[in-house]
N, C-alpha and C. Protein backbone atom coordinates (compact mmCIF):
# COMPACT_ATOMS: atom_id res chain seq x y z
N MET A 1 184.07 97.78 63.10
CA MET A 1 184.05 97.61 64.49
C MET A 1 184.66 98.95 65.05
N GLU A 2 183.88 99.51 66.04
CA GLU A 2 184.27 100.71 66.71
C GLU A 2 185.01 100.18 68.01
N VAL A 3 186.20 100.88 68.11
CA VAL A 3 187.06 100.59 69.30
C VAL A 3 187.29 101.80 70.09
N LYS A 4 187.00 101.75 71.40
CA LYS A 4 187.11 102.89 72.32
C LYS A 4 188.27 102.63 73.40
N THR A 5 188.98 103.53 73.54
CA THR A 5 190.20 103.49 74.56
C THR A 5 189.97 104.67 75.53
N ILE A 6 190.57 104.67 76.71
CA ILE A 6 190.42 105.66 77.66
C ILE A 6 192.00 106.18 77.73
N CYS A 7 192.16 107.50 77.45
CA CYS A 7 193.42 108.03 77.50
C CYS A 7 193.64 108.82 78.78
N ILE A 8 194.55 108.17 79.61
CA ILE A 8 194.93 108.88 80.84
C ILE A 8 196.41 108.89 80.89
N ARG A 9 197.01 109.91 81.64
CA ARG A 9 198.38 109.99 81.80
C ARG A 9 198.97 108.85 82.40
N ASP A 10 200.27 108.58 82.15
CA ASP A 10 201.04 107.53 82.82
C ASP A 10 201.07 107.77 84.25
N TRP A 11 201.27 106.74 85.15
CA TRP A 11 201.27 106.83 86.64
C TRP A 11 202.50 106.22 87.13
N VAL A 12 202.70 106.43 88.39
CA VAL A 12 203.79 105.88 89.12
C VAL A 12 203.46 105.36 90.53
N MET A 13 204.02 104.27 90.92
CA MET A 13 203.67 103.58 92.23
C MET A 13 205.02 103.45 92.87
N VAL A 14 205.08 103.90 94.11
CA VAL A 14 206.20 103.99 94.90
C VAL A 14 206.34 102.87 96.04
N LEU A 15 207.39 102.06 95.98
CA LEU A 15 207.64 101.08 97.11
C LEU A 15 208.71 101.75 97.96
N PRO A 16 208.27 102.39 99.07
CA PRO A 16 209.23 103.06 99.94
C PRO A 16 209.66 102.02 101.09
N LEU A 17 210.88 101.84 101.23
CA LEU A 17 211.47 101.06 102.26
C LEU A 17 212.38 101.93 103.26
N THR A 18 212.10 101.71 104.55
CA THR A 18 212.88 102.48 105.54
C THR A 18 214.21 101.64 105.76
N ALA A 19 215.03 102.37 106.50
CA ALA A 19 216.40 101.71 106.84
C ALA A 19 216.03 100.44 107.78
N LYS A 20 214.91 100.45 108.45
CA LYS A 20 214.66 99.34 109.31
C LYS A 20 213.90 98.19 108.60
N GLY A 21 213.76 98.32 107.29
CA GLY A 21 213.08 97.18 106.52
C GLY A 21 211.61 97.29 106.63
N GLU A 22 211.04 98.53 106.92
CA GLU A 22 209.52 98.64 106.83
C GLU A 22 209.13 99.15 105.52
N VAL A 23 207.95 98.93 104.95
CA VAL A 23 207.42 99.46 103.82
C VAL A 23 206.35 100.46 104.32
N VAL A 24 206.46 101.66 103.72
CA VAL A 24 205.59 102.76 103.97
C VAL A 24 204.44 102.60 103.00
N MET A 25 203.28 102.54 103.56
CA MET A 25 202.08 102.28 102.83
C MET A 25 200.97 103.30 103.17
N VAL A 26 199.91 103.38 102.38
CA VAL A 26 198.75 104.24 102.66
C VAL A 26 197.46 103.51 102.70
N ARG A 27 196.61 104.01 103.53
CA ARG A 27 195.13 103.46 103.50
C ARG A 27 194.36 104.62 102.85
N GLN A 28 193.69 104.36 101.83
CA GLN A 28 192.90 105.38 101.26
C GLN A 28 191.50 104.78 100.67
N TYR A 29 190.50 105.61 100.70
CA TYR A 29 189.13 105.21 100.15
C TYR A 29 189.27 105.04 98.70
N ARG A 30 188.74 104.02 98.11
CA ARG A 30 188.64 103.96 96.66
C ARG A 30 187.20 103.82 96.16
N HIS A 31 186.69 104.79 95.47
CA HIS A 31 185.33 104.96 95.11
C HIS A 31 184.76 103.74 94.24
N GLY A 32 185.69 103.15 93.39
CA GLY A 32 185.27 102.17 92.48
C GLY A 32 184.76 100.95 93.20
N ILE A 33 185.32 100.55 94.38
CA ILE A 33 184.94 99.38 95.11
C ILE A 33 184.29 99.79 96.45
N GLU A 34 184.28 101.07 96.73
CA GLU A 34 183.53 101.69 97.74
C GLU A 34 184.09 101.16 99.18
N THR A 35 185.43 101.14 99.21
CA THR A 35 185.99 100.63 100.36
C THR A 35 187.48 101.35 100.62
N VAL A 36 188.09 101.11 101.92
CA VAL A 36 189.50 101.61 102.05
C VAL A 36 190.38 100.53 101.65
N CYS A 37 191.42 100.92 100.93
CA CYS A 37 192.44 99.98 100.31
C CYS A 37 193.78 100.26 101.03
N LEU A 38 194.53 99.12 101.23
CA LEU A 38 195.89 99.31 101.60
C LEU A 38 196.70 99.17 100.39
N GLU A 39 197.48 100.30 100.19
CA GLU A 39 198.08 100.48 98.86
C GLU A 39 199.60 101.09 99.10
N LEU A 40 200.23 101.30 98.04
CA LEU A 40 201.55 101.91 98.02
C LEU A 40 201.22 103.45 97.61
N PRO A 41 202.06 104.39 97.96
CA PRO A 41 201.88 105.72 97.38
C PRO A 41 202.06 105.78 95.93
N GLY A 42 201.49 106.78 95.32
CA GLY A 42 201.63 106.98 93.92
C GLY A 42 200.58 107.87 93.30
N GLY A 43 200.65 108.03 92.06
CA GLY A 43 199.64 108.91 91.35
C GLY A 43 200.13 109.17 89.83
N LEU A 44 199.40 110.05 89.24
CA LEU A 44 199.71 110.35 87.82
C LEU A 44 200.99 111.06 87.72
N ILE A 45 201.77 110.88 86.65
CA ILE A 45 202.96 111.60 86.32
C ILE A 45 202.57 112.87 85.72
N ASP A 46 203.10 113.88 86.33
CA ASP A 46 202.78 115.32 85.89
C ASP A 46 203.54 115.64 84.64
N PRO A 47 203.10 116.57 83.81
CA PRO A 47 203.89 116.99 82.74
C PRO A 47 205.31 117.61 83.01
N GLY A 48 205.41 118.07 84.24
CA GLY A 48 206.65 118.78 84.62
C GLY A 48 207.68 117.88 85.28
N ASP A 49 207.17 116.48 85.43
CA ASP A 49 208.07 115.47 86.01
C ASP A 49 209.05 115.00 85.02
N ALA A 50 210.38 115.07 85.24
CA ALA A 50 211.39 114.64 84.20
C ALA A 50 211.41 113.20 84.07
N SER A 51 210.88 112.32 84.93
CA SER A 51 211.10 110.95 84.78
C SER A 51 210.06 110.23 85.82
N PRO A 52 209.82 108.97 85.66
CA PRO A 52 209.07 108.26 86.70
C PRO A 52 209.64 108.38 88.08
N GLU A 53 210.94 108.38 88.05
CA GLU A 53 211.60 108.51 89.43
C GLU A 53 211.35 109.85 90.12
N ALA A 54 211.30 110.93 89.30
CA ALA A 54 211.09 112.27 89.72
C ALA A 54 209.57 112.39 90.24
N ALA A 55 208.75 111.72 89.45
CA ALA A 55 207.30 111.65 90.00
C ALA A 55 207.07 110.87 91.21
N ALA A 56 207.87 109.85 91.38
CA ALA A 56 207.97 109.08 92.60
C ALA A 56 208.30 109.83 93.83
N LYS A 57 209.31 110.62 93.51
CA LYS A 57 209.80 111.50 94.63
C LYS A 57 208.78 112.32 95.10
N ARG A 58 208.08 113.17 94.15
CA ARG A 58 207.08 114.07 94.33
C ARG A 58 205.79 113.28 95.14
N GLU A 59 205.40 112.24 94.50
CA GLU A 59 204.21 111.60 95.18
C GLU A 59 204.43 111.09 96.50
N LEU A 60 205.70 110.53 96.70
CA LEU A 60 206.01 110.05 98.12
C LEU A 60 205.94 111.26 99.13
N MET A 61 206.49 112.30 98.75
CA MET A 61 206.41 113.49 99.69
C MET A 61 205.02 113.97 99.82
N GLU A 62 204.19 114.10 98.79
CA GLU A 62 202.88 114.61 98.92
C GLU A 62 202.00 113.76 99.74
N GLU A 63 202.10 112.40 99.55
CA GLU A 63 201.12 111.45 100.19
C GLU A 63 201.52 111.12 101.59
N THR A 64 202.88 111.02 101.84
CA THR A 64 203.34 110.48 103.10
C THR A 64 204.14 111.41 103.88
N GLY A 65 204.75 112.45 103.39
CA GLY A 65 205.71 113.29 104.07
C GLY A 65 207.09 112.64 104.14
N TYR A 66 207.24 111.56 103.47
CA TYR A 66 208.58 110.95 103.48
C TYR A 66 209.44 111.33 102.24
N GLU A 67 210.73 111.24 102.48
CA GLU A 67 211.73 111.29 101.35
C GLU A 67 212.60 110.07 101.43
N ALA A 68 213.21 109.81 100.32
CA ALA A 68 214.15 108.61 100.36
C ALA A 68 215.60 109.09 99.73
N GLN A 69 216.54 108.20 100.09
CA GLN A 69 217.82 108.40 99.61
C GLN A 69 218.07 108.15 98.22
N ASP A 70 217.43 106.96 97.65
CA ASP A 70 217.52 106.61 96.36
C ASP A 70 216.23 106.14 95.73
N TYR A 71 216.17 106.40 94.41
CA TYR A 71 214.83 106.03 93.73
C TYR A 71 215.33 105.19 92.54
N VAL A 72 214.94 104.03 92.41
CA VAL A 72 215.34 103.12 91.31
C VAL A 72 214.04 102.51 90.65
N LEU A 73 213.99 102.56 89.28
CA LEU A 73 212.92 101.96 88.48
C LEU A 73 212.87 100.49 88.60
N LEU A 74 211.81 99.96 89.19
CA LEU A 74 211.74 98.47 89.26
C LEU A 74 211.18 97.87 87.95
N GLY A 75 210.43 98.63 87.23
CA GLY A 75 209.85 98.16 86.01
C GLY A 75 208.59 98.86 85.59
N SER A 76 207.89 98.45 84.65
CA SER A 76 206.62 99.15 84.19
C SER A 76 205.75 98.13 83.62
N CYS A 77 204.46 98.47 83.40
CA CYS A 77 203.52 97.56 82.86
C CYS A 77 202.44 98.38 82.13
N PHE A 78 201.63 97.82 81.28
CA PHE A 78 200.36 98.36 80.67
C PHE A 78 199.31 97.75 81.63
N PRO A 79 198.70 98.46 82.50
CA PRO A 79 197.72 97.90 83.50
C PRO A 79 196.43 97.31 82.95
N GLN A 80 195.93 97.84 81.75
CA GLN A 80 194.77 97.25 81.20
C GLN A 80 194.79 97.67 79.70
N PRO A 81 195.54 97.13 78.94
CA PRO A 81 195.84 97.48 77.54
C PRO A 81 194.55 97.26 76.63
N ALA A 82 193.51 96.61 77.08
CA ALA A 82 192.35 96.41 76.36
C ALA A 82 191.60 97.76 76.15
N VAL A 83 191.62 98.51 77.20
CA VAL A 83 190.82 99.84 77.16
C VAL A 83 191.74 101.09 77.53
N LEU A 84 192.84 100.96 78.36
CA LEU A 84 193.69 101.96 78.73
C LEU A 84 194.85 102.24 77.89
N LYS A 85 195.07 103.57 77.71
CA LYS A 85 196.34 103.75 76.81
C LYS A 85 197.31 104.39 77.63
N ASN A 86 197.71 103.79 78.70
CA ASN A 86 198.82 104.41 79.54
C ASN A 86 199.65 103.29 80.18
N ARG A 87 200.68 103.74 80.85
CA ARG A 87 201.69 102.81 81.36
C ARG A 87 201.90 103.17 82.90
N GLY A 88 202.00 102.14 83.67
CA GLY A 88 202.37 102.36 85.13
C GLY A 88 203.84 101.94 85.30
N PHE A 89 204.41 102.69 86.07
CA PHE A 89 205.88 102.54 86.43
C PHE A 89 205.98 102.32 88.05
N PHE A 90 206.80 101.40 88.42
CA PHE A 90 207.06 101.00 89.79
C PHE A 90 208.40 101.38 90.13
N VAL A 91 208.56 102.15 91.23
CA VAL A 91 209.81 102.74 91.64
C VAL A 91 210.11 102.41 93.13
N LEU A 92 211.32 101.85 93.38
CA LEU A 92 211.79 101.57 94.81
C LEU A 92 212.27 102.82 95.33
N ALA A 93 211.89 103.14 96.52
CA ALA A 93 212.58 104.35 97.24
C ALA A 93 213.17 103.74 98.49
N SER A 94 214.52 103.82 98.43
CA SER A 94 215.29 103.17 99.53
C SER A 94 215.66 104.19 100.58
N ASN A 95 215.64 103.69 101.91
CA ASN A 95 216.09 104.42 103.05
C ASN A 95 215.08 105.68 103.17
N ALA A 96 213.80 105.36 103.13
CA ALA A 96 212.81 106.39 103.18
C ALA A 96 212.72 106.75 104.77
N ARG A 97 212.53 108.08 104.90
CA ARG A 97 212.38 108.68 106.23
C ARG A 97 211.30 109.81 106.25
N PRO A 98 210.53 109.98 107.30
CA PRO A 98 209.66 111.31 107.30
C PRO A 98 210.43 112.49 107.51
N THR A 99 209.99 113.57 106.67
CA THR A 99 210.67 114.80 106.69
C THR A 99 209.76 115.91 106.87
N CYS A 100 208.48 115.78 106.55
CA CYS A 100 207.48 116.79 106.73
C CYS A 100 206.08 116.21 106.78
N GLU A 101 205.09 117.01 106.88
CA GLU A 101 203.67 116.58 106.81
C GLU A 101 203.29 116.30 105.34
N PRO A 102 202.35 115.40 105.20
CA PRO A 102 201.98 115.17 103.85
C PRO A 102 201.17 116.30 103.18
N GLN A 103 201.35 116.51 101.96
CA GLN A 103 200.72 117.57 101.13
C GLN A 103 199.64 117.05 100.40
N LEU A 104 198.55 116.56 100.92
CA LEU A 104 197.51 115.97 100.24
C LEU A 104 196.73 116.80 99.21
N ASP A 105 196.19 116.31 98.08
CA ASP A 105 195.40 116.96 97.16
C ASP A 105 194.02 117.02 97.74
N ASP A 106 193.24 117.98 97.14
CA ASP A 106 191.84 118.22 97.57
C ASP A 106 191.11 116.78 97.44
N GLY A 107 190.28 116.38 98.36
CA GLY A 107 189.64 115.17 98.33
C GLY A 107 190.38 113.88 98.73
N GLU A 108 191.65 114.03 98.97
CA GLU A 108 192.39 112.89 99.44
C GLU A 108 192.37 112.72 100.95
N ASP A 109 192.07 111.52 101.43
CA ASP A 109 192.00 111.21 102.81
C ASP A 109 192.96 110.01 103.05
N ILE A 110 194.20 110.20 103.48
CA ILE A 110 195.11 109.13 103.43
C ILE A 110 195.68 108.96 104.85
N GLU A 111 195.71 107.66 105.30
CA GLU A 111 196.40 107.26 106.57
C GLU A 111 197.77 106.60 106.14
N VAL A 112 198.80 107.08 106.80
CA VAL A 112 200.18 106.55 106.47
C VAL A 112 200.34 105.38 107.51
N VAL A 113 200.76 104.32 107.02
CA VAL A 113 201.04 103.04 107.87
C VAL A 113 202.37 102.35 107.38
N ARG A 114 202.92 101.59 108.28
CA ARG A 114 204.17 100.91 107.93
C ARG A 114 204.08 99.41 108.36
N PHE A 115 204.63 98.58 107.49
CA PHE A 115 204.70 97.09 107.71
C PHE A 115 205.97 96.60 107.52
N ALA A 116 206.45 95.54 108.31
CA ALA A 116 207.74 94.96 108.04
C ALA A 116 207.68 94.31 106.55
N LEU A 117 208.67 94.41 105.86
CA LEU A 117 208.74 93.74 104.59
C LEU A 117 208.39 92.32 104.50
N HIS A 118 208.80 91.66 105.51
CA HIS A 118 208.46 90.14 105.66
C HIS A 118 206.91 89.78 105.88
N GLU A 119 206.20 90.87 106.27
CA GLU A 119 204.71 90.78 106.49
C GLU A 119 203.91 90.87 105.19
N ILE A 120 204.53 91.45 104.10
CA ILE A 120 203.83 91.75 102.89
C ILE A 120 203.27 90.46 102.25
N PRO A 121 204.03 89.32 102.00
CA PRO A 121 203.31 88.13 101.36
C PRO A 121 202.08 87.69 102.11
N GLY A 122 202.12 87.77 103.39
CA GLY A 122 200.92 87.34 104.20
C GLY A 122 199.76 88.31 103.91
N LEU A 123 200.01 89.58 103.81
CA LEU A 123 199.04 90.64 103.66
C LEU A 123 198.44 90.49 102.30
N ILE A 124 199.18 90.02 101.30
CA ILE A 124 198.64 89.71 99.95
C ILE A 124 197.89 88.47 100.03
N HIS A 125 198.29 87.42 100.52
CA HIS A 125 197.69 86.16 100.62
C HIS A 125 196.26 86.28 101.46
N ASN A 126 196.23 87.03 102.45
CA ASN A 126 195.01 87.05 103.17
C ASN A 126 194.01 88.18 102.65
N GLY A 127 194.43 88.78 101.68
CA GLY A 127 193.48 89.85 100.97
C GLY A 127 193.62 91.22 101.51
N CYS A 128 194.50 91.51 102.48
CA CYS A 128 194.61 92.85 103.00
C CYS A 128 195.10 93.79 101.94
N ILE A 129 195.98 93.23 101.06
CA ILE A 129 196.51 94.02 99.88
C ILE A 129 195.74 93.47 98.71
N SER A 130 194.75 94.11 98.33
CA SER A 130 193.91 93.56 97.12
C SER A 130 194.07 94.30 95.84
N ASN A 131 194.67 95.39 95.84
CA ASN A 131 194.96 96.11 94.55
C ASN A 131 195.96 95.28 93.73
N GLY A 132 195.55 95.03 92.54
CA GLY A 132 196.48 94.11 91.58
C GLY A 132 197.77 94.89 91.39
N MET A 133 197.70 96.15 91.09
CA MET A 133 198.89 96.90 90.69
C MET A 133 199.80 97.03 91.99
N VAL A 134 199.41 97.03 93.17
CA VAL A 134 200.26 97.02 94.35
C VAL A 134 200.86 95.68 94.46
N GLN A 135 200.12 94.67 94.22
CA GLN A 135 200.52 93.26 94.34
C GLN A 135 201.67 93.06 93.21
N LEU A 136 201.47 93.74 92.07
CA LEU A 136 202.54 93.58 91.04
C LEU A 136 203.72 94.37 91.39
N ALA A 137 203.59 95.54 92.06
CA ALA A 137 204.87 96.23 92.46
C ALA A 137 205.62 95.45 93.36
N PHE A 138 204.95 94.68 94.39
CA PHE A 138 205.71 93.81 95.28
C PHE A 138 206.33 92.58 94.50
N TYR A 139 205.64 92.09 93.58
CA TYR A 139 206.09 91.04 92.77
C TYR A 139 207.56 91.38 92.10
N ARG A 140 207.37 92.69 91.51
CA ARG A 140 208.65 93.07 90.79
C ARG A 140 209.80 93.28 91.91
N TYR A 141 209.48 93.77 92.98
CA TYR A 141 210.51 93.91 94.03
C TYR A 141 211.06 92.54 94.42
N PHE A 142 210.19 91.60 94.83
CA PHE A 142 210.71 90.39 95.15
C PHE A 142 211.45 89.52 94.14
N MET A 143 211.00 89.71 92.91
CA MET A 143 211.75 89.04 91.83
C MET A 143 213.09 89.61 91.63
N ASN A 144 213.22 90.91 91.87
CA ASN A 144 214.51 91.57 91.63
C ASN A 144 215.48 91.51 92.89
N HIS A 145 214.98 91.09 94.05
CA HIS A 145 215.70 91.16 95.24
C HIS A 145 215.86 90.06 96.00
N ARG A 146 215.46 88.76 95.54
CA ARG A 146 215.37 87.44 96.22
C ARG A 146 216.54 86.69 95.51
N LYS A 147 217.23 85.85 96.26
CA LYS A 147 218.19 84.95 95.64
C LYS A 147 217.44 83.62 95.47
N PHE A 148 217.45 83.05 94.31
CA PHE A 148 216.88 81.92 94.00
C PHE A 148 217.84 80.71 93.90
């Protein structure tokens, strides 16, 4: 039996929260489903990034122009272990604030938007947040920060 895997670098997804309890998100076109998606900022971890948290800091700045006071790893996952040979990391960026204009890569067309944290479950439920990895990032956040 021949087995094929796709080797791509690990990636990071950032969950930026402002001091006012807003989540900084991005709307960007996704070619695979040919539509604009509401997502969290993130991207591939570069070879020069010292850690997922360092990559999160860089990606947050590049895609949104925001910086945060603290970067804390929420967890990681293997997004599609049947065919992908990479890991995704979820990083909470606390006290995020705008500090400059986004530094987008060629071909990126991103709109920065903010939502109150309490709106997120409804946005997931009604399908506005449809990316499974974004949903998982919020799951990790709510599991770590809710009192049961």
